[in-house]
Amino acid sequence: MNILEEANRATSKERQLDYGHPSENMEHIARIASAILGKDITYKEVVAIMIATKLSRETHRHKRDNLVDLAGYAWVWAKCEGEE
């Protein structure tokens, strides 16, 4: 299975059953982060931070999971924007 197939599998309907629709999940995380930080955080910023986390980890040490998650978070961002 290639990285994109693996990311697709990881973000499939089963994952959505666990966490809800990606846009709802990212909005929820944004509300929590906003409360913690005392300033408004958008879902786009949440996804960007998740991508930054994976980029940082990959820079430190290569792990296939980082690349799979990067592809997955790109899909989540697109899904939140109403794209597929």
Protein backbone atom coordinates (compact mmCIF):
# COMPACT_ATOMS: atom_id res chain seq x y z
CA MET A 1 0.00 0.00 0.00
CA ASN A 2 1.42 3.42 -0.90
CA ILE A 3 1.41 6.44 1.40
CA LEU A 4 -1.68 8.01 -0.16
CA GLU A 5 -3.63 4.77 0.07
CA GLU A 6 -2.57 4.39 3.67
CA ALA A 7 -3.60 7.98 4.46
CA ASN A 8 -6.95 7.39 2.77
CA ARG A 9 -7.48 4.28 4.87
CA ALA A 10 -6.50 6.17 8.04
CA THR A 11 -9.01 8.95 7.34
CA SER A 12 -11.78 6.64 6.21
CA LYS A 13 -15.27 6.26 7.55
CA GLU A 14 -14.04 4.22 10.52
CA ARG A 15 -11.87 7.13 11.69
CA GLN A 16 -14.79 9.50 11.20
CA LEU A 17 -16.90 7.26 13.41
CA ASP A 18 -14.22 7.60 16.10
CA TYR A 19 -13.68 11.38 15.82
CA GLY A 20 -16.58 12.79 13.81
CA HIS A 21 -16.42 14.70 10.54
CA PRO A 22 -12.99 16.31 10.08
CA SER A 23 -14.38 19.85 9.99
CA GLU A 24 -16.32 19.29 13.23
CA ASN A 25 -13.28 17.73 14.89
CA MET A 26 -10.92 20.55 13.84
CA GLU A 27 -13.45 23.21 14.88
CA HIS A 28 -13.79 21.53 18.28
CA ILE A 29 -10.01 21.46 18.70
CA ALA A 30 -9.90 25.13 17.65
CA ARG A 31 -12.46 26.07 20.32
CA ILE A 32 -10.47 24.21 22.99
CA ALA A 33 -7.18 25.80 21.86
CA SER A 34 -8.86 29.22 21.79
CA ALA A 35 -10.01 28.79 25.39
CA ILE A 36 -6.57 27.64 26.51
CA LEU A 37 -4.70 30.43 24.71
CA GLY A 38 -7.25 33.18 25.32
CA LYS A 39 -7.41 34.08 21.62
CA ASP A 40 -9.30 32.84 18.60
CA ILE A 41 -7.74 29.91 16.76
CA THR A 42 -9.21 28.71 13.45
CA TYR A 43 -9.51 25.17 12.19
CA LYS A 44 -6.99 26.07 9.49
CA GLU A 45 -4.48 26.99 12.17
CA VAL A 46 -5.16 23.70 13.96
CA VAL A 47 -4.51 21.71 10.79
CA ALA A 48 -1.41 23.80 10.04
CA ILE A 49 -0.08 23.07 13.54
CA MET A 50 -0.71 19.36 13.08
CA ILE A 51 1.15 19.49 9.75
CA ALA A 52 3.98 21.46 11.40
CA THR A 53 4.20 18.81 14.13
CA LYS A 54 4.60 16.06 11.56
CA LEU A 55 7.14 18.09 9.56
CA SER A 56 9.17 18.68 12.71
CA ARG A 57 9.12 15.00 13.61
CA GLU A 58 10.10 14.01 10.09
CA THR A 59 12.98 16.50 10.14
CA HIS A 60 14.25 14.90 13.33
CA ARG A 61 13.90 11.32 12.17
CA HIS A 62 12.21 9.74 9.18
CA LYS A 63 9.18 7.66 9.97
CA ARG A 64 6.67 6.49 7.38
CA ASP A 65 3.87 7.41 9.78
CA ASN A 66 4.87 11.08 9.53
CA LEU A 67 4.41 11.05 5.75
CA VAL A 68 1.13 9.18 6.00
CA ASP A 69 -0.14 11.70 8.55
CA LEU A 70 1.01 14.64 6.40
CA ALA A 71 -1.05 13.28 3.50
CA GLY A 72 -3.95 12.66 5.88
CA TYR A 73 -3.86 16.20 7.27
CA ALA A 74 -3.75 17.61 3.73
CA TRP A 75 -6.93 15.63 3.05
CA VAL A 76 -8.49 16.87 6.31
CA TRP A 77 -7.74 20.47 5.30
CA ALA A 78 -9.34 19.91 1.89
CA LYS A 79 -12.33 18.21 3.51
CA CYS A 80 -12.79 21.16 5.89
CA GLU A 81 -12.75 23.46 2.87
CA GLY A 82 -15.55 21.41 1.30
CA GLU A 83 -13.25 19.71 -1.18
CA GLU A 84 -12.49 16.02 -1.46
